[in-house]
Amino acid sequence: MNSTLLPAALRRPEKTETPRLLLSRDEAASALGVSVRMLDLLTEPAGTLKPIRIGRRVLFSPAELQRWIDAETKAIP
């Protein structure tokens, strides 16, 4: 049965996707528009981008990515 024909009180609530709090290396690189290798070069200790390490996983907070972008754009004369 088509759920749009049901009254609102009888419809299932739409599933809302939980926002990602941490991004994988692949996701972070994609968000920045760079390769994973370039992301690794930008990451501490060689670079200034600070990852979060959980076990062997290297993750990035979207807020950290934005902080890094802001800092890099201010450095451009």
PDB file of N, CA and C in Angstrom:
ATOM      1  N   MET A   1       0.843  -1.184   0.000  1.00  0.00           N
ATOM      2  CA  MET A   1       0.000   0.000   0.000  1.00  0.00           C
ATOM      3  C   MET A   1       0.882   1.240   0.000  1.00  0.00           C
ATOM      4  N   ASN A   2       0.480   2.227  -0.736  1.00  0.00           N
ATOM      5  CA  ASN A   2       1.250   3.460  -0.850  1.00  0.00           C
ATOM      6  C   ASN A   2       1.109   4.280   0.427  1.00  0.00           C
ATOM      7  N   SER A   3       2.234   4.566   1.083  1.00  0.00           N
ATOM      8  CA  SER A   3       2.183   5.265   2.371  1.00  0.00           C
ATOM      9  C   SER A   3       1.739   6.712   2.241  1.00  0.00           C
ATOM     10  N   THR A   4       1.819   7.282   1.034  1.00  0.00           N
ATOM     11  CA  THR A   4       1.379   8.668   0.876  1.00  0.00           C
ATOM     12  C   THR A   4      -0.132   8.784   0.957  1.00  0.00           C
ATOM     13  N   LEU A   5      -0.843   7.664   0.804  1.00  0.00           N
ATOM     14  CA  LEU A   5      -2.304   7.690   0.898  1.00  0.00           C
ATOM     15  C   LEU A   5      -2.793   7.568   2.335  1.00  0.00           C
ATOM     16  N   LEU A   6      -1.906   7.162   3.223  1.00  0.00           N
ATOM     17  CA  LEU A   6      -2.281   7.011   4.632  1.00  0.00           C
ATOM     18  C   LEU A   6      -2.297   8.364   5.329  1.00  0.00           C
ATOM     19  N   PRO A   7      -3.177   8.525   6.314  1.00  0.00           N
ATOM     20  CA  PRO A   7      -3.141   9.757   7.101  1.00  0.00           C
ATOM     21  C   PRO A   7      -1.789   9.859   7.825  1.00  0.00           C
ATOM     22  N   ALA A   8      -1.353  11.060   8.082  1.00  0.00           N
ATOM     23  CA  ALA A   8      -0.040  11.290   8.686  1.00  0.00           C
ATOM     24  C   ALA A   8       0.134  10.526   9.991  1.00  0.00           C
ATOM     25  N   ALA A   9      -0.919  10.381  10.776  1.00  0.00           N
ATOM     26  CA  ALA A   9      -0.823   9.691  12.068  1.00  0.00           C
ATOM     27  C   ALA A   9      -0.522   8.210  11.902  1.00  0.00           C
ATOM     28  N   LEU A  10      -0.856   7.624  10.738  1.00  0.00           N
ATOM     29  CA  LEU A  10      -0.637   6.201  10.517  1.00  0.00           C
ATOM     30  C   LEU A  10       0.645   5.893   9.746  1.00  0.00           C
ATOM     31  N   ARG A  11       1.301   6.908   9.201  1.00  0.00           N
ATOM     32  CA  ARG A  11       2.533   6.690   8.451  1.00  0.00           C
ATOM     33  C   ARG A  11       3.702   6.457   9.380  1.00  0.00           C
ATOM     34  N   ARG A  12       4.626   5.637   8.935  1.00  0.00           N
ATOM     35  CA  ARG A  12       5.867   5.447   9.684  1.00  0.00           C
ATOM     36  C   ARG A  12       6.694   6.723   9.582  1.00  0.00           C
ATOM     37  N   PRO A  13       7.316   7.100  10.668  1.00  0.00           N
ATOM     38  CA  PRO A  13       8.174   8.285  10.554  1.00  0.00           C
ATOM     39  C   PRO A  13       9.335   7.978   9.616  1.00  0.00           C
ATOM     40  N   GLU A  14       9.726   8.973   8.826  1.00  0.00           N
ATOM     41  CA  GLU A  14      10.839   8.769   7.906  1.00  0.00           C
ATOM     42  C   GLU A  14      12.119   8.583   8.704  1.00  0.00           C
ATOM     43  N   LYS A  15      12.927   7.656   8.232  1.00  0.00           N
ATOM     44  CA  LYS A  15      14.199   7.420   8.905  1.00  0.00           C
ATOM     45  C   LYS A  15      15.125   8.586   8.604  1.00  0.00           C
ATOM     46  N   THR A  16      15.673   9.140   9.646  1.00  0.00           N
ATOM     47  CA  THR A  16      16.650  10.202   9.458  1.00  0.00           C
ATOM     48  C   THR A  16      18.026   9.606   9.663  1.00  0.00           C
ATOM     49  N   GLU A  17      18.914   9.948   8.787  1.00  0.00           N
ATOM     50  CA  GLU A  17      20.259   9.409   8.859  1.00  0.00           C
ATOM     51  C   GLU A  17      21.043  10.160   9.930  1.00  0.00           C
ATOM     52  N   THR A  18      21.724   9.420  10.767  1.00  0.00           N
ATOM     53  CA  THR A  18      22.543  10.019  11.801  1.00  0.00           C
ATOM     54  C   THR A  18      23.754  10.667  11.146  1.00  0.00           C
ATOM     55  N   PRO A  19      24.034  11.922  11.472  1.00  0.00           N
ATOM     56  CA  PRO A  19      25.196  12.570  10.857  1.00  0.00           C
ATOM     57  C   PRO A  19      26.490  11.882  11.288  1.00  0.00           C
ATOM     58  N   ARG A  20      27.428  11.802  10.379  1.00  0.00           N
ATOM     59  CA  ARG A  20      28.709  11.186  10.669  1.00  0.00           C
ATOM     60  C   ARG A  20      29.523  12.141  11.521  1.00  0.00           C
ATOM     61  N   LEU A  21      29.960  11.685  12.667  1.00  0.00           N
ATOM     62  CA  LEU A  21      30.770  12.509  13.560  1.00  0.00           C
ATOM     63  C   LEU A  21      32.246  12.432  13.208  1.00  0.00           C
ATOM     64  N   LEU A  22      32.653  11.303  12.632  1.00  0.00           N
ATOM     65  CA  LEU A  22      34.039  11.107  12.225  1.00  0.00           C
ATOM     66  C   LEU A  22      34.069  10.535  10.822  1.00  0.00           C
ATOM     67  N   LEU A  23      35.057  10.951  10.051  1.00  0.00           N
ATOM     68  CA  LEU A  23      35.206  10.494   8.678  1.00  0.00           C
ATOM     69  C   LEU A  23      36.458   9.635   8.546  1.00  0.00           C
ATOM     70  N   SER A  24      36.373   8.608   7.716  1.00  0.00           N
ATOM     71  CA  SER A  24      37.537   7.780   7.425  1.00  0.00           C
ATOM     72  C   SER A  24      38.520   8.585   6.576  1.00  0.00           C
ATOM     73  N   ARG A  25      39.698   8.030   6.358  1.00  0.00           N
ATOM     74  CA  ARG A  25      40.694   8.694   5.516  1.00  0.00           C
ATOM     75  C   ARG A  25      40.149   8.910   4.112  1.00  0.00           C
ATOM     76  N   ASP A  26      39.489   7.894   3.561  1.00  0.00           N
ATOM     77  CA  ASP A  26      38.920   8.019   2.213  1.00  0.00           C
ATOM     78  C   ASP A  26      37.866   9.123   2.156  1.00  0.00           C
ATOM     79  N   GLU A  27      36.987   9.152   3.161  1.00  0.00           N
ATOM     80  CA  GLU A  27      35.921  10.159   3.191  1.00  0.00           C
ATOM     81  C   GLU A  27      36.491  11.557   3.387  1.00  0.00           C
ATOM     82  N   ALA A  28      37.478  11.694   4.255  1.00  0.00           N
ATOM     83  CA  ALA A  28      38.097  13.001   4.503  1.00  0.00           C
ATOM     84  C   ALA A  28      38.820  13.499   3.256  1.00  0.00           C
ATOM     85  N   ALA A  29      39.552  12.602   2.599  1.00  0.00           N
ATOM     86  CA  ALA A  29      40.256  12.984   1.374  1.00  0.00           C
ATOM     87  C   ALA A  29      39.252  13.428   0.311  1.00  0.00           C
ATOM     88  N   SER A  30      38.172  12.687   0.173  1.00  0.00           N
ATOM     89  CA  SER A  30      37.138  13.040  -0.794  1.00  0.00           C
ATOM     90  C   SER A  30      36.509  14.392  -0.460  1.00  0.00           C
ATOM     91  N   ALA A  31      36.247  14.630   0.828  1.00  0.00           N
ATOM     92  CA  ALA A  31      35.645  15.900   1.253  1.00  0.00           C
ATOM     93  C   ALA A  31      36.565  17.080   0.936  1.00  0.00           C
ATOM     94  N   LEU A  32      37.880  16.867   1.046  1.00  0.00           N
ATOM     95  CA  LEU A  32      38.846  17.934   0.760  1.00  0.00           C
ATOM     96  C   LEU A  32      39.195  18.017  -0.726  1.00  0.00           C
ATOM     97  N   GLY A  33      38.830  16.974  -1.475  1.00  0.00           N
ATOM     98  CA  GLY A  33      39.144  16.965  -2.896  1.00  0.00           C
ATOM     99  C   GLY A  33      40.599  16.636  -3.181  1.00  0.00           C
ATOM    100  N   VAL A  34      41.196  15.830  -2.316  1.00  0.00           N
ATOM    101  CA  VAL A  34      42.591  15.421  -2.494  1.00  0.00           C
ATOM    102  C   VAL A  34      42.672  13.900  -2.423  1.00  0.00           C
ATOM    103  N   SER A  35      43.835  13.364  -2.778  1.00  0.00           N
ATOM    104  CA  SER A  35      44.039  11.926  -2.677  1.00  0.00           C
ATOM    105  C   SER A  35      44.316  11.544  -1.223  1.00  0.00           C
ATOM    106  N   VAL A  36      44.184  10.269  -0.927  1.00  0.00           N
ATOM    107  CA  VAL A  36      44.490   9.778   0.421  1.00  0.00           C
ATOM    108  C   VAL A  36      45.970  10.002   0.713  1.00  0.00           C
ATOM    109  N   ARG A  37      46.821   9.825  -0.280  1.00  0.00           N
ATOM    110  CA  ARG A  37      48.260  10.067  -0.090  1.00  0.00           C
ATOM    111  C   ARG A  37      48.525  11.521   0.297  1.00  0.00           C
ATOM    112  N   MET A  38      47.856  12.461  -0.382  1.00  0.00           N
ATOM    113  CA  MET A  38      48.021  13.877  -0.043  1.00  0.00           C
ATOM    114  C   MET A  38      47.486  14.146   1.359  1.00  0.00           C
ATOM    115  N   LEU A  39      46.371  13.533   1.714  1.00  0.00           N
ATOM    116  CA  LEU A  39      45.818  13.684   3.060  1.00  0.00           C
ATOM    117  C   LEU A  39      46.838  13.225   4.106  1.00  0.00           C
ATOM    118  N   ASP A  40      47.491  12.104   3.831  1.00  0.00           N
ATOM    119  CA  ASP A  40      48.511  11.597   4.751  1.00  0.00           C
ATOM    120  C   ASP A  40      49.650  12.597   4.913  1.00  0.00           C
ATOM    121  N   LEU A  41      50.026  13.272   3.835  1.00  0.00           N
ATOM    122  CA  LEU A  41      51.094  14.276   3.908  1.00  0.00           C
ATOM    123  C   LEU A  41      50.662  15.513   4.697  1.00  0.00           C
ATOM    124  N   LEU A  42      49.371  15.815   4.672  1.00  0.00           N
ATOM    125  CA  LEU A  42      48.846  16.980   5.390  1.00  0.00           C
ATOM    126  C   LEU A  42      48.605  16.709   6.868  1.00  0.00           C
ATOM    127  N   THR A  43      48.653  15.423   7.241  1.00  0.00           N
ATOM    128  CA  THR A  43      48.333  14.997   8.599  1.00  0.00           C
ATOM    129  C   THR A  43      49.573  15.016   9.482  1.00  0.00           C
ATOM    130  N   GLU A  44      49.381  15.350  10.769  1.00  0.00           N
ATOM    131  CA  GLU A  44      50.492  15.318  11.727  1.00  0.00           C
ATOM    132  C   GLU A  44      51.164  13.961  11.704  1.00  0.00           C
ATOM    133  N   PRO A  45      52.443  13.840  11.925  1.00  0.00           N
ATOM    134  CA  PRO A  45      53.408  14.850  12.330  1.00  0.00           C
ATOM    135  C   PRO A  45      53.971  15.669  11.180  1.00  0.00           C
ATOM    136  N   ALA A  46      53.794  15.241   9.914  1.00  0.00           N
ATOM    137  CA  ALA A  46      54.366  15.996   8.797  1.00  0.00           C
ATOM    138  C   ALA A  46      53.590  17.292   8.527  1.00  0.00           C
ATOM    139  N   GLY A  47      52.280  17.259   8.672  1.00  0.00           N
ATOM    140  CA  GLY A  47      51.446  18.422   8.388  1.00  0.00           C
ATOM    141  C   GLY A  47      50.744  18.931   9.629  1.00  0.00           C
ATOM    142  N   THR A  48      49.751  19.774   9.421  1.00  0.00           N
ATOM    143  CA  THR A  48      49.060  20.410  10.552  1.00  0.00           C
ATOM    144  C   THR A  48      47.649  19.887  10.788  1.00  0.00           C
ATOM    145  N   LEU A  49      47.194  18.977   9.954  1.00  0.00           N
ATOM    146  CA  LEU A  49      45.851  18.401  10.121  1.00  0.00           C
ATOM    147  C   LEU A  49      45.900  17.342  11.214  1.00  0.00           C
ATOM    148  N   LYS A  50      45.031  17.463  12.211  1.00  0.00           N
ATOM    149  CA  LYS A  50      45.067  16.570  13.376  1.00  0.00           C
ATOM    150  C   LYS A  50      44.006  15.475  13.277  1.00  0.00           C
ATOM    151  N   PRO A  51      44.450  14.231  13.170  1.00  0.00           N
ATOM    152  CA  PRO A  51      43.493  13.125  13.123  1.00  0.00           C
ATOM    153  C   PRO A  51      43.119  12.649  14.527  1.00  0.00           C
ATOM    154  N   ILE A  52      42.110  11.823  14.583  1.00  0.00           N
ATOM    155  CA  ILE A  52      41.726  11.135  15.810  1.00  0.00           C
ATOM    156  C   ILE A  52      42.048   9.666  15.570  1.00  0.00           C
ATOM    157  N   ARG A  53      42.823   9.082  16.446  1.00  0.00           N
ATOM    158  CA  ARG A  53      43.219   7.686  16.274  1.00  0.00           C
ATOM    159  C   ARG A  53      42.449   6.827  17.269  1.00  0.00           C
ATOM    160  N   ILE A  54      41.775   5.829  16.740  1.00  0.00           N
ATOM    161  CA  ILE A  54      41.055   4.862  17.560  1.00  0.00           C
ATOM    162  C   ILE A  54      41.592   3.495  17.140  1.00  0.00           C
ATOM    163  N   GLY A  55      42.430   2.944  17.999  1.00  0.00           N
ATOM    164  CA  GLY A  55      43.124   1.719  17.625  1.00  0.00           C
ATOM    165  C   GLY A  55      44.008   2.013  16.431  1.00  0.00           C
ATOM    166  N   ARG A  56      43.855   1.232  15.389  1.00  0.00           N
ATOM    167  CA  ARG A  56      44.624   1.459  14.169  1.00  0.00           C
ATOM    168  C   ARG A  56      43.942   2.433  13.218  1.00  0.00           C
ATOM    169  N   ARG A  57      42.702   2.733  13.487  1.00  0.00           N
ATOM    170  CA  ARG A  57      41.942   3.613  12.589  1.00  0.00           C
ATOM    171  C   ARG A  57      42.373   5.058  12.741  1.00  0.00           C
ATOM    172  N   VAL A  58      42.457   5.727  11.625  1.00  0.00           N
ATOM    173  CA  VAL A  58      42.763   7.153  11.583  1.00  0.00           C
ATOM    174  C   VAL A  58      41.505   7.833  11.056  1.00  0.00           C
ATOM    175  N   LEU A  59      40.907   8.668  11.900  1.00  0.00           N
ATOM    176  CA  LEU A  59      39.642   9.312  11.561  1.00  0.00           C
ATOM    177  C   LEU A  59      39.797  10.827  11.658  1.00  0.00           C
ATOM    178  N   PHE A  60      38.893  11.536  11.004  1.00  0.00           N
ATOM    179  CA  PHE A  60      38.946  12.995  10.989  1.00  0.00           C
ATOM    180  C   PHE A  60      37.579  13.562  11.330  1.00  0.00           C
ATOM    181  N   SER A  61      37.573  14.564  12.171  1.00  0.00           N
ATOM    182  CA  SER A  61      36.344  15.259  12.511  1.00  0.00           C
ATOM    183  C   SER A  61      36.071  16.310  11.431  1.00  0.00           C
ATOM    184  N   PRO A  62      34.824  16.453  10.985  1.00  0.00           N
ATOM    185  CA  PRO A  62      34.506  17.511  10.022  1.00  0.00           C
ATOM    186  C   PRO A  62      34.895  18.894  10.553  1.00  0.00           C
ATOM    187  N   ALA A  63      34.777  19.107  11.866  1.00  0.00           N
ATOM    188  CA  ALA A  63      35.167  20.393  12.457  1.00  0.00           C
ATOM    189  C   ALA A  63      36.669  20.624  12.309  1.00  0.00           C
ATOM    190  N   GLU A  64      37.471  19.567  12.450  1.00  0.00           N
ATOM    191  CA  GLU A  64      38.917  19.684  12.277  1.00  0.00           C
ATOM    192  C   GLU A  64      39.257  19.985  10.825  1.00  0.00           C
ATOM    193  N   LEU A  65      38.564  19.349   9.903  1.00  0.00           N
ATOM    194  CA  LEU A  65      38.790  19.645   8.488  1.00  0.00           C
ATOM    195  C   LEU A  65      38.483  21.111   8.195  1.00  0.00           C
ATOM    196  N   GLN A  66      37.384  21.621   8.757  1.00  0.00           N
ATOM    197  CA  GLN A  66      37.022  23.019   8.539  1.00  0.00           C
ATOM    198  C   GLN A  66      38.035  23.951   9.198  1.00  0.00           C
ATOM    199  N   ARG A  67      38.515  23.596  10.395  1.00  0.00           N
ATOM    200  CA  ARG A  67      39.537  24.408  11.073  1.00  0.00           C
ATOM    201  C   ARG A  67      40.787  24.486  10.215  1.00  0.00           C
ATOM    202  N   TRP A  68      41.187  23.351   9.647  1.00  0.00           N
ATOM    203  CA  TRP A  68      42.378  23.304   8.822  1.00  0.00           C
ATOM    204  C   TRP A  68      42.190  24.169   7.565  1.00  0.00           C
ATOM    205  N   ILE A  69      41.018  24.073   6.930  1.00  0.00           N
ATOM    206  CA  ILE A  69      40.733  24.883   5.742  1.00  0.00           C
ATOM    207  C   ILE A  69      40.811  26.362   6.088  1.00  0.00           C
ATOM    208  N   ASP A  70      40.188  26.744   7.203  1.00  0.00           N
ATOM    209  CA  ASP A  70      40.204  28.150   7.625  1.00  0.00           C
ATOM    210  C   ASP A  70      41.621  28.640   7.877  1.00  0.00           C
ATOM    211  N   ALA A  71      42.429  27.817   8.550  1.00  0.00           N
ATOM    212  CA  ALA A  71      43.813  28.205   8.844  1.00  0.00           C
ATOM    213  C   ALA A  71      44.623  28.329   7.564  1.00  0.00           C
ATOM    214  N   GLU A  72      44.415  27.423   6.620  1.00  0.00           N
ATOM    215  CA  GLU A  72      45.171  27.455   5.363  1.00  0.00           C
ATOM    216  C   GLU A  72      44.763  28.632   4.504  1.00  0.00           C
ATOM    217  N   THR A  73      43.489  28.982   4.481  1.00  0.00           N
ATOM    218  CA  THR A  73      43.055  30.101   3.659  1.00  0.00           C
ATOM    219  C   THR A  73      43.494  31.434   4.246  1.00  0.00           C
ATOM    220  N   LYS A  74      43.658  31.515   5.567  1.00  0.00           N
ATOM    221  CA  LYS A  74      44.172  32.742   6.180  1.00  0.00           C
ATOM    222  C   LYS A  74      45.651  32.908   5.895  1.00  0.00           C
ATOM    223  N   ALA A  75      46.359  31.798   5.658  1.00  0.00           N
ATOM    224  CA  ALA A  75      47.790  31.848   5.402  1.00  0.00           C
ATOM    225  C   ALA A  75      48.101  32.330   3.990  1.00  0.00           C
ATOM    226  N   ILE A  76      47.104  32.302   3.105  1.00  0.00           N
ATOM    227  CA  ILE A  76      47.315  32.768   1.723  1.00  0.00           C
ATOM    228  C   ILE A  76      47.293  34.277   1.721  1.00  0.00           C
ATOM    229  N   PRO A  77      48.366  34.910   1.217  1.00  0.00           N
ATOM    230  CA  PRO A  77      48.412  36.387   1.218  1.00  0.00           C
ATOM    231  C   PRO A  77      47.453  37.013   0.237  1.00  0.00           C
TER     232      PRO A  77
END
